[in-house]
C-alpha atoms as a PDB file:
ATOM      1  CA  UNK A   1      39.356  41.283  38.425  1.00  0.00           C
ATOM      2  CA  UNK A   2      40.464  38.012  36.918  1.00  0.00           C
ATOM      3  CA  UNK A   3      39.942  35.183  39.338  1.00  0.00           C
ATOM      4  CA  UNK A   4      39.351  31.540  38.507  1.00  0.00           C
ATOM      5  CA  UNK A   5      36.072  30.336  39.950  1.00  0.00           C
ATOM      6  CA  UNK A   6      35.431  26.697  40.747  1.00  0.00           C
ATOM      7  CA  UNK A   7      32.044  25.310  39.795  1.00  0.00           C
ATOM      8  CA  UNK A   8      29.805  25.273  42.819  1.00  0.00           C
ATOM      9  CA  UNK A   9      27.813  22.193  43.757  1.00  0.00           C
ATOM     10  CA  UNK A  10      24.474  23.691  42.804  1.00  0.00           C
ATOM     11  CA  UNK A  11      22.410  21.658  40.323  1.00  0.00           C
ATOM     12  CA  UNK A  12      22.022  23.254  36.901  1.00  0.00           C
ATOM     13  CA  UNK A  13      18.887  22.735  34.797  1.00  0.00           C
ATOM     14  CA  UNK A  14      19.176  19.770  32.465  1.00  0.00           C
ATOM     15  CA  UNK A  15      18.846  20.430  28.747  1.00  0.00           C
ATOM     16  CA  UNK A  16      15.815  18.846  27.132  1.00  0.00           C
ATOM     17  CA  UNK A  17      14.099  19.194  23.799  1.00  0.00           C
ATOM     18  CA  UNK A  18      11.188  16.862  24.582  1.00  0.00           C
ATOM     19  CA  UNK A  19       7.760  18.075  23.403  1.00  0.00           C
ATOM     20  CA  UNK A  20       6.616  17.605  27.011  1.00  0.00           C
ATOM     21  CA  UNK A  21       9.265  20.019  28.335  1.00  0.00           C
ATOM     22  CA  UNK A  22       8.179  23.352  29.817  1.00  0.00           C
ATOM     23  CA  UNK A  23       8.038  26.257  27.406  1.00  0.00           C
ATOM     24  CA  UNK A  24      11.446  27.890  27.415  1.00  0.00           C
ATOM     25  CA  UNK A  25      12.176  31.513  26.684  1.00  0.00           C
ATOM     26  CA  UNK A  26      15.832  30.596  26.112  1.00  0.00           C
ATOM     27  CA  UNK A  27      17.076  27.103  25.333  1.00  0.00           C
ATOM     28  CA  UNK A  28      20.799  26.910  24.522  1.00  0.00           C
ATOM     29  CA  UNK A  29      22.973  23.796  24.514  1.00  0.00           C
ATOM     30  CA  UNK A  30      26.681  23.638  23.608  1.00  0.00           C
ATOM     31  CA  UNK A  31      26.800  27.197  22.281  1.00  0.00           C
ATOM     32  CA  UNK A  32      30.234  28.676  21.534  1.00  0.00           C
ATOM     33  CA  UNK A  33      30.790  32.149  20.092  1.00  0.00           C
ATOM     34  CA  UNK A  34      33.998  33.606  18.679  1.00  0.00           C
ATOM     35  CA  UNK A  35      34.780  37.313  18.438  1.00  0.00           C
ATOM     36  CA  UNK A  36      37.937  37.971  16.458  1.00  0.00           C
ATOM     37  CA  UNK A  37      40.238  35.099  17.365  1.00  0.00           C
ATOM     38  CA  UNK A  38      38.916  34.657  20.897  1.00  0.00           C
ATOM     39  CA  UNK A  39      36.242  32.231  22.073  1.00  0.00           C
ATOM     40  CA  UNK A  40      34.087  34.413  24.309  1.00  0.00           C
ATOM     41  CA  UNK A  41      31.304  31.913  25.052  1.00  0.00           C
ATOM     42  CA  UNK A  42      32.539  28.382  25.624  1.00  0.00           C
ATOM     43  CA  UNK A  43      30.211  25.407  25.181  1.00  0.00           C
ATOM     44  CA  UNK A  44      27.462  27.204  27.084  1.00  0.00           C
ATOM     45  CA  UNK A  45      24.172  25.508  27.980  1.00  0.00           C
ATOM     46  CA  UNK A  46      21.333  27.540  29.460  1.00  0.00           C
ATOM     47  CA  UNK A  47      17.584  27.195  29.850  1.00  0.00           C
ATOM     48  CA  UNK A  48      15.297  29.960  31.141  1.00  0.00           C
ATOM     49  CA  UNK A  49      11.592  29.294  31.391  1.00  0.00           C
ATOM     50  CA  UNK A  50       8.900  31.752  30.392  1.00  0.00           C
ATOM     51  CA  UNK A  51       7.783  33.694  33.452  1.00  0.00           C
ATOM     52  CA  UNK A  52      11.023  33.027  35.343  1.00  0.00           C
ATOM     53  CA  UNK A  53      12.985  35.967  36.805  1.00  0.00           C
ATOM     54  CA  UNK A  54      16.755  35.462  36.587  1.00  0.00           C
ATOM     55  CA  UNK A  55      19.904  37.434  37.397  1.00  0.00           C
ATOM     56  CA  UNK A  56      23.186  36.750  35.600  1.00  0.00           C
ATOM     57  CA  UNK A  57      26.181  37.948  37.606  1.00  0.00           C
ATOM     58  CA  UNK A  58      29.811  38.335  36.608  1.00  0.00           C
ATOM     59  CA  UNK A  59      32.638  40.815  36.401  1.00  0.00           C
ATOM     60  CA  UNK A  60      33.509  42.792  33.256  1.00  0.00           C
ATOM     61  CA  UNK A  61      34.735  40.473  30.525  1.00  0.00           C
ATOM     62  CA  UNK A  62      32.945  37.425  31.889  1.00  0.00           C
ATOM     63  CA  UNK A  63      30.826  36.991  28.741  1.00  0.00           C
ATOM     64  CA  UNK A  64      27.559  38.508  30.003  1.00  0.00           C
ATOM     65  CA  UNK A  65      27.168  41.030  27.175  1.00  0.00           C
ATOM     66  CA  UNK A  66      28.086  38.429  24.564  1.00  0.00           C
ATOM     67  CA  UNK A  67      25.346  36.208  25.947  1.00  0.00           C
ATOM     68  CA  UNK A  68      22.834  39.040  25.434  1.00  0.00           C
ATOM     69  CA  UNK A  69      23.972  39.448  21.835  1.00  0.00           C
ATOM     70  CA  UNK A  70      23.551  35.707  21.332  1.00  0.00           C
ATOM     71  CA  UNK A  71      19.991  35.877  22.661  1.00  0.00           C
ATOM     72  CA  UNK A  72      19.144  38.869  20.440  1.00  0.00           C
ATOM     73  CA  UNK A  73      20.790  37.290  17.377  1.00  0.00           C
ATOM     74  CA  UNK A  74      23.416  40.004  17.012  1.00  0.00           C
ATOM     75  CA  UNK A  75      26.001  37.224  17.258  1.00  0.00           C
ATOM     76  CA  UNK A  76      25.726  33.625  16.074  1.00  0.00           C
ATOM     77  CA  UNK A  77      27.487  30.532  17.440  1.00  0.00           C
ATOM     78  CA  UNK A  78      29.920  28.152  15.840  1.00  0.00           C
ATOM     79  CA  UNK A  79      28.132  25.289  14.126  1.00  0.00           C
ATOM     80  CA  UNK A  80      28.555  22.282  16.417  1.00  0.00           C
ATOM     81  CA  UNK A  81      26.139  19.992  14.652  1.00  0.00           C
ATOM     82  CA  UNK A  82      23.281  18.085  16.216  1.00  0.00           C
ATOM     83  CA  UNK A  83      24.482  18.490  19.793  1.00  0.00           C
ATOM     84  CA  UNK A  84      24.012  22.278  19.605  1.00  0.00           C
ATOM     85  CA  UNK A  85      20.686  23.910  20.399  1.00  0.00           C
ATOM     86  CA  UNK A  86      20.170  27.655  19.928  1.00  0.00           C
ATOM     87  CA  UNK A  87      16.511  28.479  20.462  1.00  0.00           C
ATOM     88  CA  UNK A  88      14.576  31.499  21.661  1.00  0.00           C
ATOM     89  CA  UNK A  89      10.900  30.725  22.285  1.00  0.00           C
ATOM     90  CA  UNK A  90      11.410  27.302  20.653  1.00  0.00           C
ATOM     91  CA  UNK A  91      12.573  28.812  17.362  1.00  0.00           C
ATOM     92  CA  UNK A  92      16.043  28.668  15.836  1.00  0.00           C
ATOM     93  CA  UNK A  93      15.559  31.416  13.267  1.00  0.00           C
ATOM     94  CA  UNK A  94      14.139  34.859  13.908  1.00  0.00           C
ATOM     95  CA  UNK A  95      13.620  38.010  11.955  1.00  0.00           C
ATOM     96  CA  UNK A  96      15.051  40.688  14.271  1.00  0.00           C
ATOM     97  CA  UNK A  97      11.944  42.868  13.955  1.00  0.00           C
ATOM     98  CA  UNK A  98       9.744  39.936  14.992  1.00  0.00           C
ATOM     99  CA  UNK A  99      12.038  39.094  17.894  1.00  0.00           C
ATOM    100  CA  UNK A 100      11.743  42.637  19.273  1.00  0.00           C
ATOM    101  CA  UNK A 101       8.016  41.988  19.644  1.00  0.00           C
ATOM    102  CA  UNK A 102       8.804  39.230  22.156  1.00  0.00           C
ATOM    103  CA  UNK A 103      11.960  40.495  23.879  1.00  0.00           C
ATOM    104  CA  UNK A 104      12.493  44.038  25.131  1.00  0.00           C
ATOM    105  CA  UNK A 105      16.207  44.850  25.317  1.00  0.00           C
ATOM    106  CA  UNK A 106      17.868  47.527  27.436  1.00  0.00           C
ATOM    107  CA  UNK A 107      21.582  47.023  26.757  1.00  0.00           C
ATOM    108  CA  UNK A 108      24.489  49.021  28.174  1.00  0.00           C
ATOM    109  CA  UNK A 109      25.708  50.203  24.758  1.00  0.00           C
ATOM    110  CA  UNK A 110      22.140  51.317  23.958  1.00  0.00           C
ATOM    111  CA  UNK A 111      21.996  53.312  27.200  1.00  0.00           C
ATOM    112  CA  UNK A 112      25.175  55.140  26.210  1.00  0.00           C
ATOM    113  CA  UNK A 113      23.921  55.906  22.695  1.00  0.00           C
ATOM    114  CA  UNK A 114      20.549  57.109  23.945  1.00  0.00           C
ATOM    115  CA  UNK A 115      22.118  59.382  26.542  1.00  0.00           C
ATOM    116  CA  UNK A 116      24.065  61.154  23.776  1.00  0.00           C
ATOM    117  CA  UNK A 117      21.119  61.375  21.353  1.00  0.00           C
ATOM    118  CA  UNK A 118      18.537  62.721  23.775  1.00  0.00           C
ATOM    119  CA  UNK A 119      20.887  65.542  24.739  1.00  0.00           C
ATOM    120  CA  UNK A 120      21.885  66.363  21.169  1.00  0.00           C
ATOM    121  CA  UNK A 121      18.355  66.302  19.699  1.00  0.00           C
ATOM    122  CA  UNK A 122      16.202  67.228  22.727  1.00  0.00           C
ATOM    123  CA  UNK A 123      14.197  64.002  22.448  1.00  0.00           C
ATOM    124  CA  UNK A 124      11.009  63.875  24.558  1.00  0.00           C
ATOM    125  CA  UNK A 125       9.817  60.857  26.536  1.00  0.00           C
ATOM    126  CA  UNK A 126       6.960  60.308  24.082  1.00  0.00           C
ATOM    127  CA  UNK A 127       9.314  60.406  21.089  1.00  0.00           C
ATOM    128  CA  UNK A 128      11.780  58.019  22.691  1.00  0.00           C
ATOM    129  CA  UNK A 129       9.119  55.479  23.600  1.00  0.00           C
ATOM    130  CA  UNK A 130       7.499  55.640  20.153  1.00  0.00           C
ATOM    131  CA  UNK A 131      10.897  55.176  18.504  1.00  0.00           C
ATOM    132  CA  UNK A 132      10.900  51.624  19.841  1.00  0.00           C
ATOM    133  CA  UNK A 133       8.527  50.775  16.993  1.00  0.00           C
ATOM    134  CA  UNK A 134      11.181  51.845  14.483  1.00  0.00           C
ATOM    135  CA  UNK A 135      14.348  50.695  16.271  1.00  0.00           C
ATOM    136  CA  UNK A 136      15.582  54.288  16.230  1.00  0.00           C
ATOM    137  CA  UNK A 137      16.457  56.739  19.006  1.00  0.00           C
ATOM    138  CA  UNK A 138      13.765  59.381  18.873  1.00  0.00           C
ATOM    139  CA  UNK A 139      11.540  60.018  15.866  1.00  0.00           C
ATOM    140  CA  UNK A 140      12.576  61.208  12.404  1.00  0.00           C
ATOM    141  CA  UNK A 141      10.463  63.091   9.830  1.00  0.00           C
ATOM    142  CA  UNK A 142       9.906  60.059   7.588  1.00  0.00           C
ATOM    143  CA  UNK A 143       8.435  57.983  10.427  1.00  0.00           C
ATOM    144  CA  UNK A 144       4.621  58.105  10.501  1.00  0.00           C
ATOM    145  CA  UNK A 145       3.249  57.281  13.926  1.00  0.00           C
ATOM    146  CA  UNK A 146      -0.149  55.554  13.906  1.00  0.00           C
ATOM    147  CA  UNK A 147      -2.999  56.167  16.403  1.00  0.00           C
ATOM    148  CA  UNK A 148      -2.515  52.654  17.772  1.00  0.00           C
ATOM    149  CA  UNK A 149       1.179  53.321  18.360  1.00  0.00           C
ATOM    150  CA  UNK A 150       0.295  56.529  20.217  1.00  0.00           C
ATOM    151  CA  UNK A 151      -2.145  54.536  22.345  1.00  0.00           C
ATOM    152  CA  UNK A 152       0.524  51.967  23.157  1.00  0.00           C
ATOM    153  CA  UNK A 153       3.000  54.696  24.120  1.00  0.00           C
ATOM    154  CA  UNK A 154       0.469  56.330  26.450  1.00  0.00           C
ATOM    155  CA  UNK A 155      -0.213  52.954  28.084  1.00  0.00           C
ATOM    156  CA  UNK A 156       3.500  52.408  28.735  1.00  0.00           C
ATOM    157  CA  UNK A 157       3.949  55.903  30.158  1.00  0.00           C
ATOM    158  CA  UNK A 158       1.066  55.302  32.560  1.00  0.00           C
ATOM    159  CA  UNK A 159       2.554  51.984  33.672  1.00  0.00           C
ATOM    160  CA  UNK A 160       5.934  53.608  34.310  1.00  0.00           C
ATOM    161  CA  UNK A 161       4.366  56.717  35.895  1.00  0.00           C
ATOM    162  CA  UNK A 162       6.002  59.127  33.453  1.00  0.00           C
ATOM    163  CA  UNK A 163       2.948  60.506  31.626  1.00  0.00           C
ATOM    164  CA  UNK A 164       3.903  63.960  32.896  1.00  0.00           C
ATOM    165  CA  UNK A 165       7.171  63.709  30.940  1.00  0.00           C
ATOM    166  CA  UNK A 166       5.518  63.009  27.578  1.00  0.00           C
ATOM    167  CA  UNK A 167       6.439  66.330  25.981  1.00  0.00           C
ATOM    168  CA  UNK A 168       9.478  67.193  28.064  1.00  0.00           C
ATOM    169  CA  UNK A 169      13.010  66.881  26.736  1.00  0.00           C
ATOM    170  CA  UNK A 170      14.703  63.976  28.487  1.00  0.00           C
ATOM    171  CA  UNK A 171      17.831  66.106  28.707  1.00  0.00           C
ATOM    172  CA  UNK A 172      16.002  68.143  31.373  1.00  0.00           C
ATOM    173  CA  UNK A 173      14.786  65.321  33.657  1.00  0.00           C
ATOM    174  CA  UNK A 174      16.500  63.190  36.278  1.00  0.00           C
ATOM    175  CA  UNK A 175      18.632  60.164  35.405  1.00  0.00           C
ATOM    176  CA  UNK A 176      16.029  57.881  36.983  1.00  0.00           C
ATOM    177  CA  UNK A 177      13.252  59.370  34.848  1.00  0.00           C
ATOM    178  CA  UNK A 178      15.415  58.995  31.759  1.00  0.00           C
ATOM    179  CA  UNK A 179      15.979  55.334  32.567  1.00  0.00           C
ATOM    180  CA  UNK A 180      12.234  54.731  32.932  1.00  0.00           C
ATOM    181  CA  UNK A 181      11.666  56.262  29.484  1.00  0.00           C
ATOM    182  CA  UNK A 182      14.352  53.997  28.048  1.00  0.00           C
ATOM    183  CA  UNK A 183      12.577  50.984  29.540  1.00  0.00           C
ATOM    184  CA  UNK A 184       9.369  52.337  28.002  1.00  0.00           C
ATOM    185  CA  UNK A 185      11.014  52.201  24.582  1.00  0.00           C
ATOM    186  CA  UNK A 186      11.715  48.490  25.148  1.00  0.00           C
ATOM    187  CA  UNK A 187       8.170  47.849  26.403  1.00  0.00           C
ATOM    188  CA  UNK A 188       6.212  49.608  23.673  1.00  0.00           C
ATOM    189  CA  UNK A 189       5.819  46.351  21.681  1.00  0.00           C
ATOM    190  CA  UNK A 190       4.352  44.738  24.820  1.00  0.00           C
ATOM    191  CA  UNK A 191       7.039  42.010  24.906  1.00  0.00           C
ATOM    192  CA  UNK A 192       6.677  39.108  27.291  1.00  0.00           C
ATOM    193  CA  UNK A 193      10.262  39.434  28.550  1.00  0.00           C
ATOM    194  CA  UNK A 194      12.668  42.247  29.338  1.00  0.00           C
ATOM    195  CA  UNK A 195      16.446  41.803  29.211  1.00  0.00           C
ATOM    196  CA  UNK A 196      18.398  44.430  31.148  1.00  0.00           C
ATOM    197  CA  UNK A 197      22.179  44.834  30.839  1.00  0.00           C
ATOM    198  CA  UNK A 198      23.759  46.778  33.751  1.00  0.00           C
ATOM    199  CA  UNK A 199      20.569  48.852  34.017  1.00  0.00           C
ATOM    200  CA  UNK A 200      21.602  50.962  37.022  1.00  0.00           C
ATOM    201  CA  UNK A 201      24.954  51.974  35.564  1.00  0.00           C
ATOM    202  CA  UNK A 202      25.670  55.653  36.450  1.00  0.00           C
ATOM    203  CA  UNK A 203      22.467  56.058  38.502  1.00  0.00           C
ATOM    204  CA  UNK A 204      22.605  57.701  41.929  1.00  0.00           C
ATOM    205  CA  UNK A 205      21.276  55.749  44.970  1.00  0.00           C
ATOM    206  CA  UNK A 206      17.864  57.435  44.870  1.00  0.00           C
ATOM    207  CA  UNK A 207      17.437  56.625  41.178  1.00  0.00           C
ATOM    208  CA  UNK A 208      18.470  53.023  41.845  1.00  0.00           C
ATOM    209  CA  UNK A 209      15.673  52.695  44.419  1.00  0.00           C
ATOM    210  CA  UNK A 210      13.186  54.119  41.902  1.00  0.00           C
ATOM    211  CA  UNK A 211      14.456  51.738  39.249  1.00  0.00           C
ATOM    212  CA  UNK A 212      14.056  48.704  41.507  1.00  0.00           C
ATOM    213  CA  UNK A 213      10.447  49.784  42.179  1.00  0.00           C
ATOM    214  CA  UNK A 214       9.840  49.913  38.407  1.00  0.00           C
ATOM    215  CA  UNK A 215      11.206  46.381  37.980  1.00  0.00           C
ATOM    216  CA  UNK A 216       8.923  45.102  40.716  1.00  0.00           C
ATOM    217  CA  UNK A 217       5.974  46.714  38.953  1.00  0.00           C
ATOM    218  CA  UNK A 218       6.921  44.976  35.712  1.00  0.00           C
ATOM    219  CA  UNK A 219       6.951  41.568  37.398  1.00  0.00           C
ATOM    220  CA  UNK A 220       3.427  42.236  38.671  1.00  0.00           C
ATOM    221  CA  UNK A 221       2.432  43.006  35.077  1.00  0.00           C
ATOM    222  CA  UNK A 222       3.617  39.543  34.083  1.00  0.00           C
ATOM    223  CA  UNK A 223       6.910  40.423  32.381  1.00  0.00           C
ATOM    224  CA  UNK A 224       9.761  37.920  32.548  1.00  0.00           C
ATOM    225  CA  UNK A 225      12.941  39.655  33.760  1.00  0.00           C
ATOM    226  CA  UNK A 226      16.508  38.702  32.848  1.00  0.00           C
ATOM    227  CA  UNK A 227      18.905  40.989  34.674  1.00  0.00           C
ATOM    228  CA  UNK A 228      22.585  41.038  33.690  1.00  0.00           C
ATOM    229  CA  UNK A 229      24.745  42.858  36.209  1.00  0.00           C
ATOM    230  CA  UNK A 230      27.854  42.877  38.379  1.00  0.00           C
ATOM    231  CA  UNK A 231      25.973  44.686  41.162  1.00  0.00           C
ATOM    232  CA  UNK A 232      23.908  42.443  43.438  1.00  0.00           C
ATOM    233  CA  UNK A 233      22.011  45.427  44.830  1.00  0.00           C
ATOM    234  CA  UNK A 234      20.166  45.488  41.473  1.00  0.00           C
ATOM    235  CA  UNK A 235      18.397  42.238  42.355  1.00  0.00           C
ATOM    236  CA  UNK A 236      14.777  42.576  43.407  1.00  0.00           C
ATOM    237  CA  UNK A 237      13.046  40.048  45.697  1.00  0.00           C
ATOM    238  CA  UNK A 238      11.115  38.539  42.764  1.00  0.00           C
ATOM    239  CA  UNK A 239      14.377  37.244  41.249  1.00  0.00           C
ATOM    240  CA  UNK A 240      14.810  33.737  42.649  1.00  0.00           C
ATOM    241  CA  UNK A 241      17.455  32.249  40.358  1.00  0.00           C
ATOM    242  CA  UNK A 242      21.033  33.452  39.987  1.00  0.00           C
ATOM    243  CA  UNK A 243      23.636  32.447  37.412  1.00  0.00           C
ATOM    244  CA  UNK A 244      27.374  33.140  37.782  1.00  0.00           C
ATOM    245  CA  UNK A 245      29.435  33.721  34.624  1.00  0.00           C
ATOM    246  CA  UNK A 246      33.221  33.772  34.384  1.00  0.00           C
ATOM    247  CA  UNK A 247      35.504  33.594  31.334  1.00  0.00           C
ATOM    248  CA  UNK A 248      32.675  32.769  28.955  1.00  0.00           C
ATOM    249  CA  UNK A 249      31.270  29.903  30.991  1.00  0.00           C
ATOM    250  CA  UNK A 250      28.466  29.355  33.472  1.00  0.00           C
ATOM    251  CA  UNK A 251      30.172  28.639  36.763  1.00  0.00           C
ATOM    252  CA  UNK A 252      27.100  28.223  38.957  1.00  0.00           C
ATOM    253  CA  UNK A 253      23.333  28.234  38.576  1.00  0.00           C
ATOM    254  CA  UNK A 254      20.871  27.937  41.415  1.00  0.00           C
ATOM    255  CA  UNK A 255      18.648  29.561  44.020  1.00  0.00           C
ATOM    256  CA  UNK A 256      19.513  33.096  45.084  1.00  0.00           C
ATOM    257  CA  UNK A 257      19.908  32.175  48.746  1.00  0.00           C
ATOM    258  CA  UNK A 258      22.383  29.405  47.906  1.00  0.00           C
ATOM    259  CA  UNK A 259      24.636  31.518  45.698  1.00  0.00           C
ATOM    260  CA  UNK A 260      24.609  35.001  47.209  1.00  0.00           C
ATOM    261  CA  UNK A 261      27.024  34.158  49.999  1.00  0.00           C
ATOM    262  CA  UNK A 262      30.298  35.847  50.902  1.00  0.00           C
ATOM    263  CA  UNK A 263      32.582  32.905  49.969  1.00  0.00           C
ATOM    264  CA  UNK A 264      30.957  32.357  46.582  1.00  0.00           C
ATOM    265  CA  UNK A 265      30.766  36.021  45.606  1.00  0.00           C
ATOM    266  CA  UNK A 266      34.338  36.612  46.816  1.00  0.00           C
ATOM    267  CA  UNK A 267      35.479  33.793  44.529  1.00  0.00           C
ATOM    268  CA  UNK A 268      33.468  35.107  41.599  1.00  0.00           C
ATOM    269  CA  UNK A 269      34.756  38.677  41.820  1.00  0.00           C
ATOM    270  CA  UNK A 270      38.275  37.870  42.985  1.00  0.00           C
ATOM    271  CA  UNK A 271      38.321  39.816  46.242  1.00  0.00           C
ATOM    272  CA  UNK A 272      37.189  39.357  49.815  1.00  0.00           C
ATOM    273  CA  UNK A 273      33.584  40.534  50.153  1.00  0.00           C
ATOM    274  CA  UNK A 274      30.849  40.575  52.754  1.00  0.00           C
ATOM    275  CA  UNK A 275      27.159  40.239  51.892  1.00  0.00           C
ATOM    276  CA  UNK A 276      24.664  42.621  53.467  1.00  0.00           C
ATOM    277  CA  UNK A 277      21.008  41.552  53.373  1.00  0.00           C
ATOM    278  CA  UNK A 278      17.994  43.608  54.434  1.00  0.00           C
ATOM    279  CA  UNK A 279      14.286  43.264  53.609  1.00  0.00           C
ATOM    280  CA  UNK A 280      14.940  41.021  50.623  1.00  0.00           C
ATOM    281  CA  UNK A 281      17.705  43.237  49.203  1.00  0.00           C
ATOM    282  CA  UNK A 282      21.389  42.405  48.922  1.00  0.00           C
ATOM    283  CA  UNK A 283      24.576  44.444  48.763  1.00  0.00           C
ATOM    284  CA  UNK A 284      28.332  43.845  48.897  1.00  0.00           C
ATOM    285  CA  UNK A 285      31.011  45.544  50.949  1.00  0.00           C
ATOM    286  CA  UNK A 286      34.760  44.923  50.907  1.00  0.00           C
ATOM    287  CA  UNK A 287      36.415  42.759  53.528  1.00  0.00           C
END
């Protein structure tokens, strides 16, 4: 789907670097990123406060995944001088290992890699969660797990209600249980924020309901959620702010109720859609 989306008349947060400004998890101004010969993020400005729950919506190719890689420092922007700001938690420069202690990442490419590895190597839930300390998928013989790391892993499994899976191969459990273990890997550092890229991809409807319940639990535990998706049914009631992305730009940014309307979503995704809303949940149907 490749539709041009006009910018909606919803006020976007103003950039500010004043010492009196709220503490921002993400503070970008005039960020452009090139991959190959193509500009994939175009003069993007975005502020997300600590403790704020946000959904970023857009079709495939809209720049959502590139934005994640910019946040996690896998990609860096073009130098645009003093007008550019590129901060995570008020810092411009991060060691990636330190950053993982603040941001838990569940990215779509990681989901695909983990799915292959856990089947090939019969990785257990405990091993997968502990491997978050080493940025690996499952444990390897040279990795020496400490008692404190074991304690952290047990805490995460209790929070996600998967303690019973600790020693079971994830190849033998449901897709929803696998996804909870993958989130556990991202949470084992006890980060303050969790960034989720298309987290319900390939899950059946029952697993999606379970996954939404997990996200709601995480908000009650005080985790900031940034949800990147093209599926509005992923949004939980605690997410109040929605951002539309198209062709590497932010097209709209505002309250969920103002943006999740049939005309605006039809324009974003390039086809006629109807919005279904029930008990704080949203979904889309054609026509």
